Amino acid sequence: MCGIYVGRTIFFSTTRFFYDLSAAPVASPTPQPPLPKLLPQVGSIVYTVQDGDSCDAILAYQMRMNQAGEVFSDLKSETVWALNTALGKDCHSIQPGTVLSLSPQYPLVALGGTVEKIEPLSPHQVLPTPLIRVRHTEPQGPDCSRGCALTVQVAPRVLVRLEVQTALTIREGSWVWARAMMARKRIAGFDTYPYVDNKATLNGMSLHVCDFQVDDVHDDNSLACSQLQPNTINEDGGSWLFAVTGPGALDHWHYPVHLPPNTRVLLWLTDENGTLTYHAGDPLYRYNESTHRYRKIA
């Protein structure tokens, strides 16, 4: 299933997967975990340039950005300017000892929270195709098979907007889990700019969802994160993820991350045949509240 996002509207190609609405599982309300006290924190990693380093090599080896030379190209001066601004240094003049700020490219975020509001992104109607079998019964919730915008509380007094396409039944008050693509900083003439503004906050942010669960039912037909464009997940072999530890957040995915609840982390997820997962020993960083940077712990 392929999704192409334009503004806040989702257009799905004619090759999209057709949901069998009659067989869509209905999520059962489950005991809700406590909301995290903190939000995932956008941030960067400090790196000191070594002998023989180049910007492309640093991004490839430190950030696993194998497409750095294509995303940031000397043929497009605006992309190099944007990279220099993000790094805090001119890539053409770095020397051993130069300190750079490295940001994760096209990062995802892991969230859990309660649904406060549901808004369809398209008119409530059944697709005119015989491939979908629809029972003529009273709907148990809004039809989100063509897309809905969910207002979700993910921390005390913090709301985000999750844009999702699902055949699962969602109600106000449902608990949802999601991995989603973070909104990136807008750079004129550089639509594929890969970084989130370090000053950005999740509060009020609109996020496109690529892994979704309602209460106790996971949507196995949700978009793969590599389908949310632009990104370099396939080329890089994975993706960076911002998260907060705890039962209401990262712990839901059962990654081998053993840190106290409400710890802000950045970790690398490996792409295994379309499934993003974390393995012990993969890059794991913890946010330092004093330096406002991420520090490697694995």
Protein backbone atom coordinates (compact mmCIF):
# COMPACT_ATOMS: atom_id res chain seq x y z
CA MET A 1 0.00 0.00 0.00
CA CYS A 2 1.44 3.32 -1.02
CA GLY A 3 0.48 6.68 0.43
CA ILE A 4 1.38 10.10 -0.96
CA TYR A 5 0.89 13.05 1.39
CA VAL A 6 0.07 16.53 0.07
CA GLY A 7 -0.43 19.13 2.80
CA ARG A 8 -2.72 17.52 5.35
CA THR A 9 -4.67 15.40 2.86
CA ILE A 10 -3.83 11.78 2.16
CA PHE A 11 -4.18 10.52 -1.41
CA PHE A 12 -3.92 6.78 -1.86
CA SER A 13 -2.91 5.25 -5.18
CA THR A 14 -5.13 2.85 -7.11
CA THR A 15 -2.81 0.03 -6.09
CA ARG A 16 -3.59 0.52 -2.37
CA PHE A 17 -4.56 -2.43 -0.20
CA PHE A 18 -8.36 -2.74 0.03
CA TYR A 19 -9.53 -3.32 3.57
CA ASP A 20 -12.16 -5.99 4.16
CA LEU A 21 -14.30 -3.93 6.47
CA SER A 22 -16.46 -6.90 7.43
CA ALA A 23 -13.45 -8.66 8.91
CA ALA A 24 -11.82 -5.66 10.61
CA PRO A 25 -11.07 -6.59 14.22
CA VAL A 26 -12.65 -4.52 16.95
CA ALA A 27 -10.30 -3.36 19.68
CA SER A 28 -11.33 -4.04 23.25
CA PRO A 29 -10.76 -1.35 25.87
CA THR A 30 -7.79 -2.28 28.02
CA PRO A 31 -6.36 -0.83 31.24
CA GLN A 32 -4.49 2.27 30.20
CA PRO A 33 -0.89 2.85 31.28
CA PRO A 34 0.11 6.17 32.83
CA LEU A 35 1.02 8.95 30.43
CA PRO A 36 4.74 9.76 30.31
CA LYS A 37 5.73 12.80 32.33
CA LEU A 38 8.09 13.95 29.57
CA LEU A 39 7.94 14.24 25.80
CA PRO A 40 10.46 12.76 23.38
CA GLN A 41 13.10 15.42 22.84
CA VAL A 42 14.46 16.46 19.45
CA GLY A 43 18.22 16.85 19.66
CA SER A 44 21.63 16.21 18.17
CA ILE A 45 24.79 14.24 18.84
CA VAL A 46 28.22 15.82 19.32
CA TYR A 47 31.00 14.43 17.13
CA THR A 48 34.67 15.46 16.94
CA VAL A 49 36.20 15.24 13.46
CA GLN A 50 39.02 12.69 13.06
CA ASP A 51 41.87 12.41 10.54
CA GLY A 52 40.60 11.53 7.08
CA ASP A 53 36.99 12.45 7.83
CA SER A 54 34.66 14.06 5.31
CA CYS A 55 31.08 15.15 5.88
CA ASP A 56 29.71 12.34 3.71
CA ALA A 57 31.78 9.76 5.59
CA ILE A 58 30.79 11.16 8.98
CA LEU A 59 27.09 11.05 8.13
CA ALA A 60 27.43 7.54 6.67
CA TYR A 61 29.36 6.01 9.59
CA GLN A 62 28.09 8.01 12.56
CA MET A 63 24.48 8.54 11.46
CA ARG A 64 24.15 5.57 9.05
CA MET A 65 23.06 7.98 6.31
CA ASN A 66 24.20 6.13 3.21
CA GLN A 67 22.50 8.61 0.87
CA ALA A 68 24.18 11.70 2.36
CA GLY A 69 26.00 12.50 -0.89
CA GLU A 70 22.70 12.49 -2.78
CA VAL A 71 20.58 14.33 -0.23
CA PHE A 72 23.28 16.99 0.19
CA SER A 73 24.81 17.62 -3.22
CA ASP A 74 27.34 20.22 -4.41
CA LEU A 75 25.20 20.40 -7.54
CA LYS A 76 22.48 21.96 -5.39
CA SER A 77 24.16 24.68 -3.35
CA GLU A 78 21.08 25.23 -1.17
CA THR A 79 21.37 21.68 0.18
CA VAL A 80 25.02 22.12 1.16
CA TRP A 81 24.21 25.45 2.79
CA ALA A 82 21.46 23.76 4.79
CA LEU A 83 23.84 20.99 5.88
CA ASN A 84 26.51 23.48 6.97
CA THR A 85 23.90 25.33 9.01
CA ALA A 86 22.73 22.11 10.68
CA LEU A 87 26.29 20.98 11.47
CA GLY A 88 27.37 24.39 12.68
CA LYS A 89 30.46 24.26 10.42
CA ASP A 90 31.38 24.48 6.73
CA CYS A 91 31.79 20.94 5.41
CA HIS A 92 34.51 22.06 2.99
CA SER A 93 36.74 23.36 5.76
CA ILE A 94 36.43 20.83 8.61
CA GLN A 95 39.67 19.67 10.22
CA PRO A 96 40.59 17.13 12.90
CA GLY A 97 39.28 18.44 16.20
CA THR A 98 36.34 20.31 14.68
CA VAL A 99 33.18 19.69 16.73
CA LEU A 100 29.98 19.01 14.80
CA SER A 101 26.33 18.68 15.78
CA LEU A 102 24.86 15.61 14.07
CA SER A 103 21.10 15.26 13.77
CA PRO A 104 19.16 12.08 12.90
CA GLN A 105 17.78 12.04 9.37
CA TYR A 106 14.03 11.65 8.77
CA PRO A 107 13.47 10.58 12.41
CA LEU A 108 10.51 8.65 13.74
CA VAL A 109 8.91 9.08 17.15
CA ALA A 110 7.23 6.46 19.38
CA LEU A 111 4.07 7.57 21.18
CA GLY A 112 1.18 6.28 23.22
CA GLY A 113 -1.87 8.17 24.41
CA THR A 114 -5.63 8.64 24.62
CA VAL A 115 -7.78 9.74 21.70
CA GLU A 116 -9.50 13.04 22.44
CA LYS A 117 -11.00 13.76 19.00
CA ILE A 118 -11.48 11.97 15.65
CA GLU A 119 -11.87 13.80 12.35
CA PRO A 120 -12.23 12.00 8.98
CA LEU A 121 -9.80 13.28 6.36
CA SER A 122 -12.23 12.42 3.55
CA PRO A 123 -16.03 12.14 3.25
CA HIS A 124 -17.60 9.23 5.13
CA GLN A 125 -18.41 6.86 2.27
CA VAL A 126 -17.76 3.34 1.04
CA LEU A 127 -15.32 2.93 -1.84
CA PRO A 128 -17.23 1.95 -5.02
CA THR A 129 -15.52 -1.38 -5.56
CA PRO A 130 -16.67 -4.99 -5.24
CA LEU A 131 -13.40 -5.88 -3.51
CA ILE A 132 -14.70 -4.42 -0.26
CA ARG A 133 -17.50 -6.23 1.56
CA VAL A 134 -19.38 -3.97 3.92
CA ARG A 135 -21.89 -5.10 6.48
CA HIS A 136 -24.91 -2.84 6.67
CA THR A 137 -24.84 -2.42 10.42
CA GLU A 138 -24.55 0.55 12.69
CA PRO A 139 -20.95 1.81 12.64
CA GLN A 140 -19.10 1.35 15.93
CA GLY A 141 -16.95 4.40 15.28
CA PRO A 142 -15.84 6.78 12.54
CA ASP A 143 -14.72 5.16 9.28
CA CYS A 144 -10.98 5.78 9.11
CA SER A 145 -10.31 3.42 6.22
CA ARG A 146 -9.65 6.46 4.02
CA GLY A 147 -7.86 8.41 6.71
CA CYS A 148 -8.56 10.19 9.99
CA ALA A 149 -6.86 12.87 12.02
CA LEU A 150 -6.69 11.86 15.67
CA THR A 151 -6.10 14.39 18.42
CA VAL A 152 -4.19 12.37 21.01
CA GLN A 153 -3.02 13.28 24.49
CA VAL A 154 0.51 11.89 24.84
CA ALA A 155 1.58 13.63 28.06
CA PRO A 156 -0.09 15.90 30.62
CA ARG A 157 -1.48 18.94 28.76
CA VAL A 158 0.19 17.84 25.51
CA LEU A 159 -1.76 17.00 22.34
CA VAL A 160 -0.54 15.80 18.95
CA ARG A 161 -2.37 15.20 15.67
CA LEU A 162 -1.90 11.71 14.24
CA GLU A 163 -2.91 11.18 10.63
CA VAL A 164 -3.72 7.51 10.12
CA GLN A 165 -5.48 5.19 7.72
CA THR A 166 -6.94 2.10 9.39
CA ALA A 167 -9.90 -0.26 9.32
CA LEU A 168 -9.72 -0.62 13.10
CA THR A 169 -12.51 0.89 15.16
CA ILE A 170 -11.36 3.99 17.04
CA ARG A 171 -13.41 5.76 19.68
CA GLU A 172 -12.80 8.84 21.77
CA GLY A 173 -11.11 7.54 24.88
CA SER A 174 -9.32 4.69 23.05
CA TRP A 175 -5.65 4.22 23.84
CA VAL A 176 -3.48 4.21 20.72
CA TRP A 177 0.14 3.33 20.10
CA ALA A 178 1.99 4.74 17.12
CA ARG A 179 5.33 5.18 15.48
CA ALA A 180 5.20 8.20 13.23
CA MET A 181 7.35 10.41 11.02
CA MET A 182 8.23 13.70 12.69
CA ALA A 183 7.55 16.99 10.92
CA ARG A 184 10.79 18.27 9.43
CA LYS A 185 12.04 21.84 9.26
CA ARG A 186 10.97 23.68 6.12
CA ILE A 187 13.85 24.88 3.96
CA ALA A 188 13.10 26.90 0.81
CA GLY A 189 14.07 24.96 -2.32
CA PHE A 190 14.90 21.81 -0.33
CA ASP A 191 11.75 19.71 0.00
CA THR A 192 13.68 16.60 1.09
CA TYR A 193 15.55 18.34 3.94
CA PRO A 194 15.99 15.49 6.44
CA TYR A 195 16.18 17.18 9.85
CA VAL A 196 13.67 18.28 12.47
CA ASP A 197 14.13 21.74 13.94
CA ASN A 198 15.91 21.23 17.27
CA LYS A 199 13.67 23.91 18.75
CA ALA A 200 10.50 22.11 17.67
CA THR A 201 8.08 20.71 20.22
CA LEU A 202 5.73 17.78 19.79
CA ASN A 203 2.86 19.73 21.33
CA GLY A 204 0.47 20.43 18.46
CA MET A 205 2.63 18.71 15.82
CA SER A 206 0.97 16.81 12.95
CA LEU A 207 2.49 13.37 12.40
CA HIS A 208 1.95 10.75 9.70
CA VAL A 209 1.59 7.29 11.28
CA CYS A 210 3.33 4.16 9.98
CA ASP A 211 2.78 1.67 12.82
CA PHE A 212 -0.53 1.70 14.65
CA GLN A 213 -2.42 -0.07 17.41
CA VAL A 214 -5.76 0.63 19.08
CA ASP A 215 -6.08 -0.70 22.63
CA ASP A 216 -5.18 -4.40 22.29
CA VAL A 217 -5.33 -4.74 18.47
CA HIS A 218 -2.42 -3.97 16.16
CA ASP A 219 -3.17 -2.89 12.60
CA ASP A 220 -1.12 -5.32 10.53
CA ASN A 221 -2.13 -3.45 7.38
CA SER A 222 -0.79 -0.05 8.43
CA LEU A 223 1.73 1.71 6.24
CA ALA A 224 5.36 0.69 6.49
CA CYS A 225 7.48 3.59 7.73
CA SER A 226 9.48 3.44 4.49
CA GLN A 227 6.29 4.40 2.63
CA LEU A 228 6.13 7.80 4.30
CA GLN A 229 8.05 9.99 1.90
CA PRO A 230 10.62 11.40 1.89
CA ASN A 231 12.93 9.09 3.82
CA THR A 232 16.02 6.93 3.31
CA ILE A 233 15.01 3.92 5.42
CA ASN A 234 15.57 1.37 2.65
CA GLU A 235 18.91 2.87 1.63
CA ASP A 236 20.14 3.28 5.21
CA GLY A 237 18.87 -0.09 6.41
CA GLY A 238 16.89 1.45 9.24
CA SER A 239 15.76 4.61 10.98
CA TRP A 240 16.40 6.77 14.03
CA LEU A 241 13.68 6.91 16.70
CA PHE A 242 13.04 9.52 19.39
CA ALA A 243 11.19 8.18 22.42
CA VAL A 244 10.64 8.26 26.16
CA THR A 245 10.96 5.09 28.22
CA GLY A 246 8.08 3.82 30.34
CA PRO A 247 4.91 1.68 30.12
CA GLY A 248 2.96 4.46 28.38
CA ALA A 249 5.60 4.91 25.70
CA LEU A 250 8.66 2.99 24.44
CA ASP A 251 8.24 -0.04 26.72
CA HIS A 252 5.24 -1.09 24.62
CA TRP A 253 7.58 -2.24 21.83
CA HIS A 254 9.57 -4.50 24.21
CA TYR A 255 12.95 -3.33 22.93
CA PRO A 256 15.93 -4.39 25.09
CA VAL A 257 16.35 -0.87 26.49
CA HIS A 258 16.84 -0.99 30.25
CA LEU A 259 16.55 2.55 31.56
CA PRO A 260 14.36 4.23 34.21
CA PRO A 261 10.90 5.44 33.14
CA ASN A 262 10.68 8.93 31.63
CA THR A 263 14.18 8.78 30.15
CA ARG A 264 14.49 10.56 26.81
CA VAL A 265 16.29 8.40 24.28
CA LEU A 266 17.39 8.27 20.65
CA LEU A 267 17.93 4.80 19.20
CA TRP A 268 18.66 3.16 15.89
CA LEU A 269 16.07 0.72 14.52
CA THR A 270 17.24 -1.86 11.99
CA ASP A 271 15.00 -2.60 9.02
CA GLU A 272 14.35 -6.35 8.81
CA ASN A 273 12.19 -7.09 5.77
CA GLY A 274 10.08 -4.01 6.39
CA THR A 275 9.93 -4.35 10.18
CA LEU A 276 11.88 -1.85 12.25
CA THR A 277 13.39 -3.29 15.42
CA TYR A 278 16.06 -2.50 17.99
CA HIS A 279 18.80 -4.98 18.88
CA ALA A 280 20.96 -4.83 21.99
CA GLY A 281 24.24 -3.20 21.03
CA ASP A 282 22.74 -0.97 18.33
CA PRO A 283 23.29 2.78 18.81
CA LEU A 284 21.42 4.09 21.85
CA TYR A 285 21.67 7.64 23.18
CA ARG A 286 20.32 9.31 26.30
CA TYR A 287 19.37 12.98 26.40
CA ASN A 288 21.46 15.12 28.74
CA GLU A 289 19.27 17.80 30.27
CA SER A 290 22.31 19.94 31.16
CA THR A 291 24.07 20.00 27.77
CA HIS A 292 20.86 19.59 25.72
CA ARG A 293 22.61 16.94 23.64
CA TYR A 294 22.34 13.19 23.26
CA ARG A 295 25.11 11.11 24.79
CA LYS A 296 25.86 7.57 23.65
CA ILE A 297 25.26 4.79 26.19
CA ALA A 298 25.43 1.79 23.81
